N, C-alpha and C. Protein backbone atom coordinates (compact mmCIF):
# COMPACT_ATOMS: atom_id res chain seq x y z
N MET A 1 149.87 63.86 172.74
CA MET A 1 149.22 64.65 173.76
C MET A 1 150.21 65.63 174.40
N LYS A 2 151.44 65.15 174.67
CA LYS A 2 152.45 66.03 175.26
C LYS A 2 152.72 67.24 174.36
N GLN A 3 152.83 66.97 173.06
CA GLN A 3 153.14 68.06 172.14
C GLN A 3 152.05 69.13 172.14
N ILE A 4 150.81 68.72 172.26
CA ILE A 4 149.70 69.68 172.30
C ILE A 4 149.76 70.49 173.60
N ALA A 5 150.07 69.82 174.71
CA ALA A 5 150.16 70.52 176.00
C ALA A 5 151.33 71.50 176.02
N LEU A 6 152.38 71.21 175.26
CA LEU A 6 153.55 72.07 175.24
C LEU A 6 153.39 73.30 174.34
N LEU A 7 152.41 73.28 173.44
CA LEU A 7 152.23 74.41 172.51
C LEU A 7 152.02 75.76 173.22
N PRO A 8 151.10 75.87 174.20
CA PRO A 8 150.94 77.17 174.85
C PRO A 8 152.19 77.60 175.62
N ILE A 9 152.93 76.66 176.17
CA ILE A 9 154.15 76.99 176.91
C ILE A 9 155.19 77.54 175.94
N ARG A 10 155.35 76.87 174.81
CA ARG A 10 156.33 77.34 173.82
C ARG A 10 155.90 78.68 173.21
N PHE A 11 154.61 78.86 172.99
CA PHE A 11 154.13 80.14 172.48
C PHE A 11 154.49 81.25 173.47
N TYR A 12 154.24 81.02 174.75
CA TYR A 12 154.58 82.02 175.77
C TYR A 12 156.08 82.30 175.76
N ARG A 13 156.90 81.25 175.75
CA ARG A 13 158.35 81.43 175.83
C ARG A 13 158.93 82.20 174.66
N TYR A 14 158.38 81.98 173.46
CA TYR A 14 158.99 82.59 172.28
C TYR A 14 158.25 83.83 171.75
N ALA A 15 156.98 84.01 172.11
CA ALA A 15 156.23 85.15 171.58
C ALA A 15 155.92 86.21 172.64
N ILE A 16 155.62 85.82 173.85
CA ILE A 16 155.21 86.77 174.87
C ILE A 16 156.36 87.15 175.81
N SER A 17 157.07 86.15 176.31
CA SER A 17 158.14 86.39 177.28
C SER A 17 159.21 87.38 176.80
N PRO A 18 159.65 87.34 175.54
CA PRO A 18 160.68 88.30 175.10
C PRO A 18 160.22 89.76 175.17
N MET A 19 158.92 90.01 175.16
CA MET A 19 158.42 91.38 175.23
C MET A 19 158.33 91.91 176.67
N MET A 20 158.54 91.02 177.63
CA MET A 20 158.42 91.41 179.04
C MET A 20 159.81 91.54 179.66
N ALA A 21 159.89 92.38 180.69
CA ALA A 21 161.15 92.53 181.41
C ALA A 21 161.46 91.23 182.15
N PRO A 22 162.73 90.84 182.23
CA PRO A 22 163.06 89.61 182.96
C PRO A 22 162.84 89.82 184.46
N HIS A 23 162.01 88.99 185.03
CA HIS A 23 161.71 89.12 186.45
C HIS A 23 161.42 87.77 187.10
N CYS A 24 162.03 86.73 186.57
CA CYS A 24 161.83 85.40 187.12
C CYS A 24 162.47 85.31 188.50
N ARG A 25 161.75 84.72 189.45
CA ARG A 25 162.30 84.55 190.79
C ARG A 25 162.85 83.14 190.98
N PHE A 26 162.60 82.27 190.01
CA PHE A 26 163.08 80.89 190.08
C PHE A 26 164.06 80.60 188.96
N HIS A 27 164.89 79.61 189.19
CA HIS A 27 165.73 79.05 188.13
C HIS A 27 165.53 77.54 188.18
N PRO A 28 165.18 76.90 187.12
CA PRO A 28 164.83 77.41 185.80
C PRO A 28 163.51 78.19 185.83
N SER A 29 163.27 78.95 184.77
CA SER A 29 162.04 79.73 184.69
C SER A 29 160.82 78.80 184.75
N CYS A 30 159.68 79.37 185.07
CA CYS A 30 158.46 78.54 185.19
C CYS A 30 158.11 77.84 183.88
N SER A 31 158.33 78.51 182.75
CA SER A 31 158.00 77.87 181.48
C SER A 31 158.96 76.73 181.18
N ALA A 32 160.25 76.91 181.49
CA ALA A 32 161.21 75.82 181.29
C ALA A 32 160.91 74.67 182.25
N TYR A 33 160.53 74.99 183.48
CA TYR A 33 160.16 73.97 184.47
C TYR A 33 158.95 73.18 183.98
N ALA A 34 157.92 73.88 183.49
CA ALA A 34 156.70 73.22 183.01
C ALA A 34 157.01 72.30 181.83
N GLU A 35 157.83 72.78 180.91
CA GLU A 35 158.19 71.96 179.74
C GLU A 35 158.93 70.70 180.17
N GLU A 36 159.89 70.83 181.06
CA GLU A 36 160.65 69.66 181.51
C GLU A 36 159.77 68.71 182.32
N ALA A 37 158.90 69.25 183.17
CA ALA A 37 158.02 68.40 183.99
C ALA A 37 157.07 67.59 183.11
N ILE A 38 156.53 68.21 182.07
CA ILE A 38 155.62 67.50 181.17
C ILE A 38 156.38 66.45 180.37
N HIS A 39 157.58 66.77 179.92
CA HIS A 39 158.39 65.76 179.22
C HIS A 39 158.69 64.58 180.13
N ARG A 40 159.05 64.86 181.38
CA ARG A 40 159.48 63.81 182.30
C ARG A 40 158.34 62.98 182.86
N PHE A 41 157.21 63.62 183.22
CA PHE A 41 156.15 62.93 183.95
C PHE A 41 154.82 62.84 183.22
N GLY A 42 154.73 63.43 182.04
CA GLY A 42 153.47 63.39 181.30
C GLY A 42 152.62 64.62 181.58
N VAL A 43 151.51 64.70 180.87
CA VAL A 43 150.66 65.90 180.91
C VAL A 43 150.02 66.08 182.28
N VAL A 44 149.49 65.03 182.87
CA VAL A 44 148.76 65.17 184.13
C VAL A 44 149.70 65.48 185.29
N GLN A 45 150.67 64.60 185.54
CA GLN A 45 151.57 64.81 186.67
C GLN A 45 152.50 66.00 186.45
N GLY A 46 153.04 66.13 185.24
CA GLY A 46 153.91 67.27 184.94
C GLY A 46 153.14 68.58 184.98
N GLY A 47 151.91 68.55 184.49
CA GLY A 47 151.07 69.75 184.57
C GLY A 47 150.75 70.13 186.00
N TRP A 48 150.55 69.13 186.86
CA TRP A 48 150.29 69.40 188.28
C TRP A 48 151.52 70.04 188.93
N LEU A 49 152.72 69.51 188.63
CA LEU A 49 153.94 70.11 189.16
C LEU A 49 154.10 71.55 188.68
N ALA A 50 153.80 71.79 187.41
CA ALA A 50 153.91 73.14 186.86
C ALA A 50 152.90 74.08 187.53
N THR A 51 151.70 73.60 187.78
CA THR A 51 150.68 74.41 188.44
C THR A 51 151.12 74.77 189.85
N LYS A 52 151.68 73.79 190.57
CA LYS A 52 152.16 74.08 191.93
C LYS A 52 153.31 75.10 191.89
N ARG A 53 154.17 75.01 190.89
CA ARG A 53 155.28 75.95 190.76
C ARG A 53 154.76 77.35 190.49
N LEU A 54 153.78 77.47 189.58
CA LEU A 54 153.20 78.79 189.29
C LEU A 54 152.53 79.39 190.52
N ALA A 55 151.93 78.54 191.36
CA ALA A 55 151.28 79.04 192.57
C ALA A 55 152.30 79.60 193.56
N ARG A 56 153.55 79.16 193.49
CA ARG A 56 154.60 79.68 194.37
C ARG A 56 155.24 80.95 193.82
N CYS A 57 154.89 81.33 192.62
CA CYS A 57 155.51 82.50 191.99
C CYS A 57 154.75 83.76 192.39
N HIS A 58 155.16 84.34 193.50
CA HIS A 58 154.53 85.57 194.01
C HIS A 58 155.56 86.32 194.84
N PRO A 59 155.33 87.60 195.11
CA PRO A 59 156.32 88.41 195.83
C PRO A 59 156.67 87.90 197.23
N GLY A 60 155.80 87.12 197.85
CA GLY A 60 156.09 86.62 199.19
C GLY A 60 157.00 85.40 199.22
N HIS A 61 157.30 84.83 198.07
CA HIS A 61 158.16 83.63 198.00
C HIS A 61 159.56 84.06 197.57
N PRO A 62 160.60 83.56 198.25
CA PRO A 62 161.95 84.00 197.90
C PRO A 62 162.47 83.50 196.56
N GLY A 63 161.88 82.43 196.01
CA GLY A 63 162.36 81.91 194.73
C GLY A 63 163.64 81.13 194.91
N GLY A 64 164.51 81.17 193.89
CA GLY A 64 165.78 80.45 193.95
C GLY A 64 165.80 79.26 193.01
N TYR A 65 166.75 78.36 193.26
CA TYR A 65 166.92 77.18 192.42
C TYR A 65 165.85 76.16 192.79
N ASP A 66 165.06 75.75 191.81
CA ASP A 66 163.93 74.84 192.05
C ASP A 66 163.78 73.91 190.85
N PRO A 67 164.59 72.84 190.80
CA PRO A 67 164.54 71.94 189.64
C PRO A 67 163.34 71.01 189.69
N VAL A 68 163.01 70.44 188.55
CA VAL A 68 161.99 69.40 188.48
C VAL A 68 162.55 68.19 189.22
N PRO A 69 161.75 67.55 190.09
CA PRO A 69 162.28 66.38 190.81
C PRO A 69 162.61 65.25 189.86
N GLU A 70 163.57 64.43 190.26
CA GLU A 70 163.97 63.28 189.44
C GLU A 70 162.86 62.23 189.38
N THR A 71 162.20 62.01 190.51
CA THR A 71 161.12 61.02 190.58
C THR A 71 159.99 61.59 191.42
N LEU A 72 158.82 61.02 191.24
CA LEU A 72 157.67 61.37 192.08
C LEU A 72 157.44 60.22 193.03
N THR A 73 157.39 60.52 194.30
CA THR A 73 157.16 59.50 195.31
C THR A 73 155.71 59.59 195.75
N PRO A 74 154.91 58.54 195.57
CA PRO A 74 153.51 58.59 196.00
C PRO A 74 153.40 58.89 197.49
N GLY A 75 152.52 59.82 197.83
CA GLY A 75 152.29 60.17 199.23
C GLY A 75 153.34 61.09 199.81
N SER A 76 154.30 61.51 199.01
CA SER A 76 155.35 62.38 199.50
C SER A 76 154.81 63.79 199.69
N THR A 77 155.27 64.44 200.75
CA THR A 77 154.89 65.84 200.97
C THR A 77 155.97 66.77 200.47
N HIS A 78 157.02 66.21 199.86
CA HIS A 78 158.11 67.03 199.36
C HIS A 78 157.64 67.92 198.22
N THR A 79 157.94 69.17 198.35
CA THR A 79 157.67 70.13 197.29
C THR A 79 158.99 70.46 196.63
N PRO A 80 159.05 70.41 195.29
CA PRO A 80 160.30 70.73 194.61
C PRO A 80 160.80 72.09 195.07
N GLY A 81 162.10 72.17 195.37
CA GLY A 81 162.68 73.42 195.81
C GLY A 81 162.73 73.54 197.32
N SER A 82 162.02 72.67 198.04
CA SER A 82 162.09 72.73 199.50
C SER A 82 163.10 71.69 199.97
N SER A 83 163.57 71.88 201.15
CA SER A 83 164.58 70.97 201.68
C SER A 83 163.97 70.05 202.71
N ASN A 84 164.28 68.78 202.64
CA ASN A 84 163.83 67.82 203.64
C ASN A 84 164.90 67.61 204.70
N ARG A 85 165.98 68.37 204.63
CA ARG A 85 167.10 68.22 205.55
C ARG A 85 166.70 68.70 206.93
N GLN A 86 167.08 67.94 207.93
CA GLN A 86 166.82 68.32 209.31
C GLN A 86 168.14 68.62 209.98
N ASP A 87 168.21 69.76 210.66
CA ASP A 87 169.42 70.12 211.37
C ASP A 87 169.51 69.31 212.66
N PRO A 88 170.72 68.84 213.02
CA PRO A 88 170.87 68.05 214.24
C PRO A 88 170.68 68.88 215.49
């Protein structure tokens, strides 16, 4: 199932993306993020993380370093790429 879900991502990365100007606002790119999220968490949870990442890809978001989280915590409001750090 994972391999089937990864086919459109790999097609985009190798057939469509090279024809477009580089303009990624995140590192890793959204396609690399989606591929890693699906490998790590499966099609449903990894696909949900990838969908949330794509929703943040717009001119109003600053972008930056946004890795796939190491674990998913049930009920967590943490969004990958955001900081839970509180200043004293």
